[in-house]
Amino acid sequence: MEIVQAKPTDLIEILYLLKVCILDMNKKGLRHWNSAYPGADRILQDLNNTSIYLVKDKGVCKGMVTLNEFEPEDYRQVSFQSGRHKPMYLQNMAVHPQWQGLGIARLMVEFAQKLARDKGFDSIRLDVFQPSENARQLYEKQSFKEVATFHSAYQKTPFVCYEKQL
């Protein structure tokens, strides 16, 4: 398995992965992702910013993650207490349902931490939909600390913010 930086030509493959993951999440009662979020426009913007990384195994895309320095708008209402000045933001992490439970998400989190250190970031910030217990456990096992919660304009259930200092 390898993690590679996505190219604009990967757009269709990424959109397919997201569609499959959204259907799976919705079946599990997790409705924070849908046909509007994350949208194709946002994915294309992240591709053009070279922010998306894909987990590939023999050419098959098994997962993705967006890693960049752009603060999500919802974070403006959050008080991160670490005092860190150069955070990397981890967003839109998804693993194809067929390959969940095989350590791919953990691999992406480890990759994000190495990339952040290599690029001079001093922390990683992310959020998790509160009912996503598996995702929350993944980050907590990697020593991410819960720092705050926020309510998105389109969700009644809160999101939990995590941060890890590097």
C-alpha atoms as a PDB file:
ATOM      1  CA  MET A   1       0.000   0.000   0.000  1.00  0.00           C
ATOM      2  CA  GLU A   2       1.187   3.499  -0.758  1.00  0.00           C
ATOM      3  CA  ILE A   3      -0.023   7.030  -0.083  1.00  0.00           C
ATOM      4  CA  VAL A   4       0.238   9.347  -3.068  1.00  0.00           C
ATOM      5  CA  GLN A   5      -0.686  12.941  -3.723  1.00  0.00           C
ATOM      6  CA  ALA A   6      -3.865  13.051  -5.812  1.00  0.00           C
ATOM      7  CA  LYS A   7      -3.926  14.666  -9.226  1.00  0.00           C
ATOM      8  CA  PRO A   8      -6.856  16.408 -10.951  1.00  0.00           C
ATOM      9  CA  THR A   9      -7.211  13.281 -13.118  1.00  0.00           C
ATOM     10  CA  ASP A  10      -8.167  11.383  -9.925  1.00  0.00           C
ATOM     11  CA  LEU A  11     -11.374  13.419  -9.514  1.00  0.00           C
ATOM     12  CA  ILE A  12     -13.788  10.724 -10.761  1.00  0.00           C
ATOM     13  CA  GLU A  13     -12.149   8.059  -8.591  1.00  0.00           C
ATOM     14  CA  ILE A  14     -12.357  10.342  -5.517  1.00  0.00           C
ATOM     15  CA  LEU A  15     -15.998  11.222  -6.153  1.00  0.00           C
ATOM     16  CA  TYR A  16     -16.821   7.517  -6.505  1.00  0.00           C
ATOM     17  CA  LEU A  17     -15.025   6.723  -3.232  1.00  0.00           C
ATOM     18  CA  LEU A  18     -16.924   9.500  -1.458  1.00  0.00           C
ATOM     19  CA  LYS A  19     -20.273   8.332  -2.861  1.00  0.00           C
ATOM     20  CA  VAL A  20     -19.696   4.776  -1.622  1.00  0.00           C
ATOM     21  CA  CYS A  21     -18.525   6.040   1.788  1.00  0.00           C
ATOM     22  CA  ILE A  22     -21.482   8.425   2.126  1.00  0.00           C
ATOM     23  CA  LEU A  23     -23.969   5.636   1.380  1.00  0.00           C
ATOM     24  CA  ASP A  24     -22.257   3.434   3.969  1.00  0.00           C
ATOM     25  CA  MET A  25     -22.205   6.185   6.614  1.00  0.00           C
ATOM     26  CA  ASN A  26     -25.844   7.041   5.992  1.00  0.00           C
ATOM     27  CA  LYS A  27     -26.805   3.355   6.471  1.00  0.00           C
ATOM     28  CA  LYS A  28     -25.031   3.504   9.840  1.00  0.00           C
ATOM     29  CA  GLY A  29     -27.017   6.600  10.851  1.00  0.00           C
ATOM     30  CA  LEU A  30     -24.163   9.036  10.268  1.00  0.00           C
ATOM     31  CA  ARG A  31     -25.685  11.705   8.069  1.00  0.00           C
ATOM     32  CA  HIS A  32     -23.137  14.490   8.330  1.00  0.00           C
ATOM     33  CA  TRP A  33     -21.873  13.759   4.819  1.00  0.00           C
ATOM     34  CA  ASN A  34     -24.359  13.795   1.961  1.00  0.00           C
ATOM     35  CA  SER A  35     -24.718  14.720  -1.696  1.00  0.00           C
ATOM     36  CA  ALA A  36     -23.840  18.350  -0.861  1.00  0.00           C
ATOM     37  CA  TYR A  37     -20.874  17.777   1.445  1.00  0.00           C
ATOM     38  CA  PRO A  38     -18.152  17.222   0.620  1.00  0.00           C
ATOM     39  CA  GLY A  39     -19.121  18.513  -2.804  1.00  0.00           C
ATOM     40  CA  ALA A  40     -17.371  18.129  -6.141  1.00  0.00           C
ATOM     41  CA  ASP A  41     -16.426  21.820  -6.196  1.00  0.00           C
ATOM     42  CA  ARG A  42     -14.668  21.523  -2.854  1.00  0.00           C
ATOM     43  CA  ILE A  43     -12.880  18.334  -3.907  1.00  0.00           C
ATOM     44  CA  LEU A  44     -11.712  19.943  -7.147  1.00  0.00           C
ATOM     45  CA  GLN A  45     -10.434  22.961  -5.205  1.00  0.00           C
ATOM     46  CA  ASP A  46      -8.513  20.645  -2.846  1.00  0.00           C
ATOM     47  CA  LEU A  47      -7.104  18.763  -5.846  1.00  0.00           C
ATOM     48  CA  ASN A  48      -5.925  22.000  -7.413  1.00  0.00           C
ATOM     49  CA  ASN A  49      -4.327  22.988  -4.085  1.00  0.00           C
ATOM     50  CA  THR A  50      -2.561  19.577  -4.012  1.00  0.00           C
ATOM     51  CA  SER A  51      -4.162  18.868  -0.611  1.00  0.00           C
ATOM     52  CA  ILE A  52      -5.634  15.406  -1.242  1.00  0.00           C
ATOM     53  CA  TYR A  53      -3.737  12.193  -0.625  1.00  0.00           C
ATOM     54  CA  LEU A  54      -4.897   8.753  -1.726  1.00  0.00           C
ATOM     55  CA  VAL A  55      -4.174   5.332  -0.282  1.00  0.00           C
ATOM     56  CA  LYS A  56      -3.642   2.999  -3.214  1.00  0.00           C
ATOM     57  CA  ASP A  57      -3.000  -0.700  -3.316  1.00  0.00           C
ATOM     58  CA  LYS A  58      -2.048  -2.136  -6.706  1.00  0.00           C
ATOM     59  CA  GLY A  59      -3.675   0.866  -8.367  1.00  0.00           C
ATOM     60  CA  VAL A  60      -6.934   0.582  -6.393  1.00  0.00           C
ATOM     61  CA  CYS A  61      -7.947   3.628  -4.351  1.00  0.00           C
ATOM     62  CA  LYS A  62      -8.869   2.436  -0.859  1.00  0.00           C
ATOM     63  CA  GLY A  63      -8.958   5.740   1.011  1.00  0.00           C
ATOM     64  CA  MET A  64      -8.340   9.462   0.947  1.00  0.00           C
ATOM     65  CA  VAL A  65      -7.539  12.383   3.221  1.00  0.00           C
ATOM     66  CA  THR A  66      -7.247  16.141   2.759  1.00  0.00           C
ATOM     67  CA  LEU A  67      -4.295  17.799   4.497  1.00  0.00           C
ATOM     68  CA  ASN A  68      -3.687  21.540   4.279  1.00  0.00           C
ATOM     69  CA  GLU A  69      -3.193  24.813   6.126  1.00  0.00           C
ATOM     70  CA  PHE A  70      -6.638  26.276   5.374  1.00  0.00           C
ATOM     71  CA  GLU A  71      -8.704  26.744   8.527  1.00  0.00           C
ATOM     72  CA  PRO A  72     -12.278  25.494   8.117  1.00  0.00           C
ATOM     73  CA  GLU A  73     -14.830  28.261   8.566  1.00  0.00           C
ATOM     74  CA  ASP A  74     -16.540  26.430  11.460  1.00  0.00           C
ATOM     75  CA  TYR A  75     -13.275  26.554  13.438  1.00  0.00           C
ATOM     76  CA  ARG A  76     -13.562  30.334  13.826  1.00  0.00           C
ATOM     77  CA  GLN A  77     -15.996  29.685  16.677  1.00  0.00           C
ATOM     78  CA  VAL A  78     -13.571  27.247  18.372  1.00  0.00           C
ATOM     79  CA  SER A  79     -10.907  28.252  20.870  1.00  0.00           C
ATOM     80  CA  PHE A  80      -7.885  26.016  20.362  1.00  0.00           C
ATOM     81  CA  GLN A  81      -5.902  26.380  23.545  1.00  0.00           C
ATOM     82  CA  SER A  82      -2.545  24.994  22.480  1.00  0.00           C
ATOM     83  CA  GLY A  83      -1.206  28.343  21.349  1.00  0.00           C
ATOM     84  CA  ARG A  84       0.172  26.695  18.251  1.00  0.00           C
ATOM     85  CA  HIS A  85       0.614  29.049  15.321  1.00  0.00           C
ATOM     86  CA  LYS A  86       1.067  26.795  12.320  1.00  0.00           C
ATOM     87  CA  PRO A  87      -1.548  24.019  12.362  1.00  0.00           C
ATOM     88  CA  MET A  88      -2.223  21.513   9.612  1.00  0.00           C
ATOM     89  CA  TYR A  89      -5.893  20.635   9.131  1.00  0.00           C
ATOM     90  CA  LEU A  90      -6.936  17.043   8.524  1.00  0.00           C
ATOM     91  CA  GLN A  91     -10.278  16.797   6.716  1.00  0.00           C
ATOM     92  CA  ASN A  92     -12.445  14.507   4.610  1.00  0.00           C
ATOM     93  CA  MET A  93     -10.767  11.273   5.607  1.00  0.00           C
ATOM     94  CA  ALA A  94     -12.570   8.302   4.093  1.00  0.00           C
ATOM     95  CA  VAL A  95     -11.871   4.591   3.702  1.00  0.00           C
ATOM     96  CA  HIS A  96     -13.846   2.468   1.263  1.00  0.00           C
ATOM     97  CA  PRO A  97     -16.258   0.269   3.304  1.00  0.00           C
ATOM     98  CA  GLN A  98     -14.818  -2.896   1.747  1.00  0.00           C
ATOM     99  CA  TRP A  99     -11.416  -2.138   3.298  1.00  0.00           C
ATOM    100  CA  GLN A 100     -12.407  -0.643   6.653  1.00  0.00           C
ATOM    101  CA  GLY A 101     -10.928  -2.229   9.749  1.00  0.00           C
ATOM    102  CA  LEU A 102      -7.596  -3.021   8.083  1.00  0.00           C
ATOM    103  CA  GLY A 103      -5.588  -0.118   9.519  1.00  0.00           C
ATOM    104  CA  ILE A 104      -5.886   2.191   6.505  1.00  0.00           C
ATOM    105  CA  ALA A 105      -7.260   5.111   8.544  1.00  0.00           C
ATOM    106  CA  ARG A 106      -4.463   4.700  11.103  1.00  0.00           C
ATOM    107  CA  LEU A 107      -1.943   4.659   8.230  1.00  0.00           C
ATOM    108  CA  MET A 108      -3.363   7.959   6.933  1.00  0.00           C
ATOM    109  CA  VAL A 109      -3.205   9.574  10.391  1.00  0.00           C
ATOM    110  CA  GLU A 110       0.418   8.471  10.788  1.00  0.00           C
ATOM    111  CA  PHE A 111       1.169   9.814   7.307  1.00  0.00           C
ATOM    112  CA  ALA A 112      -0.477  13.154   8.220  1.00  0.00           C
ATOM    113  CA  GLN A 113       1.692  13.463  11.317  1.00  0.00           C
ATOM    114  CA  LYS A 114       4.894  12.770   9.393  1.00  0.00           C
ATOM    115  CA  LEU A 115       3.933  15.148   6.584  1.00  0.00           C
ATOM    116  CA  ALA A 116       3.047  17.881   9.093  1.00  0.00           C
ATOM    117  CA  ARG A 117       6.405  17.533  10.864  1.00  0.00           C
ATOM    118  CA  ASP A 118       8.299  17.446   7.556  1.00  0.00           C
ATOM    119  CA  LYS A 119       6.555  20.639   6.403  1.00  0.00           C
ATOM    120  CA  GLY A 120       7.122  22.520   9.655  1.00  0.00           C
ATOM    121  CA  PHE A 121       3.595  22.461  11.080  1.00  0.00           C
ATOM    122  CA  ASP A 122       3.409  22.517  14.880  1.00  0.00           C
ATOM    123  CA  SER A 123       0.048  20.784  15.349  1.00  0.00           C
ATOM    124  CA  ILE A 124      -2.746  18.934  13.560  1.00  0.00           C
ATOM    125  CA  ARG A 125      -6.375  19.960  14.023  1.00  0.00           C
ATOM    126  CA  LEU A 126      -9.485  18.084  12.939  1.00  0.00           C
ATOM    127  CA  ASP A 127     -13.093  17.496  13.821  1.00  0.00           C
ATOM    128  CA  VAL A 128     -15.230  14.390  14.136  1.00  0.00           C
ATOM    129  CA  PHE A 129     -19.002  14.084  14.043  1.00  0.00           C
ATOM    130  CA  GLN A 130     -19.804  13.306  17.671  1.00  0.00           C
ATOM    131  CA  PRO A 131     -21.638   9.985  17.044  1.00  0.00           C
ATOM    132  CA  SER A 132     -18.654   8.653  15.013  1.00  0.00           C
ATOM    133  CA  GLU A 133     -17.271   6.606  17.887  1.00  0.00           C
ATOM    134  CA  ASN A 134     -14.797   4.622  15.759  1.00  0.00           C
ATOM    135  CA  ALA A 135     -13.261   7.798  14.350  1.00  0.00           C
ATOM    136  CA  ARG A 136     -13.016   9.362  17.799  1.00  0.00           C
ATOM    137  CA  GLN A 137     -11.252   6.268  19.143  1.00  0.00           C
ATOM    138  CA  LEU A 138      -8.830   6.286  16.205  1.00  0.00           C
ATOM    139  CA  TYR A 139      -7.639   9.810  17.000  1.00  0.00           C
ATOM    140  CA  GLU A 140      -7.570   9.289  20.748  1.00  0.00           C
ATOM    141  CA  LYS A 141      -5.359   6.204  20.291  1.00  0.00           C
ATOM    142  CA  GLN A 142      -2.995   8.440  18.292  1.00  0.00           C
ATOM    143  CA  SER A 143      -2.806  10.886  21.256  1.00  0.00           C
ATOM    144  CA  PHE A 144      -5.065  13.566  19.794  1.00  0.00           C
ATOM    145  CA  LYS A 145      -6.745  15.575  22.552  1.00  0.00           C
ATOM    146  CA  GLU A 146     -10.380  16.658  22.524  1.00  0.00           C
ATOM    147  CA  VAL A 147     -10.344  20.456  22.791  1.00  0.00           C
ATOM    148  CA  ALA A 148     -13.834  21.725  21.977  1.00  0.00           C
ATOM    149  CA  THR A 149     -17.153  21.093  20.265  1.00  0.00           C
ATOM    150  CA  PHE A 150     -19.109  23.170  17.794  1.00  0.00           C
ATOM    151  CA  HIS A 151     -22.409  23.035  15.983  1.00  0.00           C
ATOM    152  CA  SER A 152     -22.335  23.389  12.241  1.00  0.00           C
ATOM    153  CA  ALA A 153     -25.018  25.477  10.601  1.00  0.00           C
ATOM    154  CA  TYR A 154     -26.426  22.353   8.923  1.00  0.00           C
ATOM    155  CA  GLN A 155     -26.278  19.834  11.825  1.00  0.00           C
ATOM    156  CA  LYS A 156     -28.064  19.564  15.165  1.00  0.00           C
ATOM    157  CA  THR A 157     -25.507  17.076  16.510  1.00  0.00           C
ATOM    158  CA  PRO A 158     -22.156  18.641  17.449  1.00  0.00           C
ATOM    159  CA  PHE A 159     -18.729  18.029  16.031  1.00  0.00           C
ATOM    160  CA  VAL A 160     -15.806  17.337  18.378  1.00  0.00           C
ATOM    161  CA  CYS A 161     -12.522  19.123  17.685  1.00  0.00           C
ATOM    162  CA  TYR A 162      -9.235  17.364  18.290  1.00  0.00           C
ATOM    163  CA  GLU A 163      -5.700  18.641  18.234  1.00  0.00           C
ATOM    164  CA  LYS A 164      -2.287  17.070  18.531  1.00  0.00           C
ATOM    165  CA  GLN A 165       0.829  19.082  19.173  1.00  0.00           C
ATOM    166  CA  LEU A 166       3.876  18.004  17.192  1.00  0.00           C
END
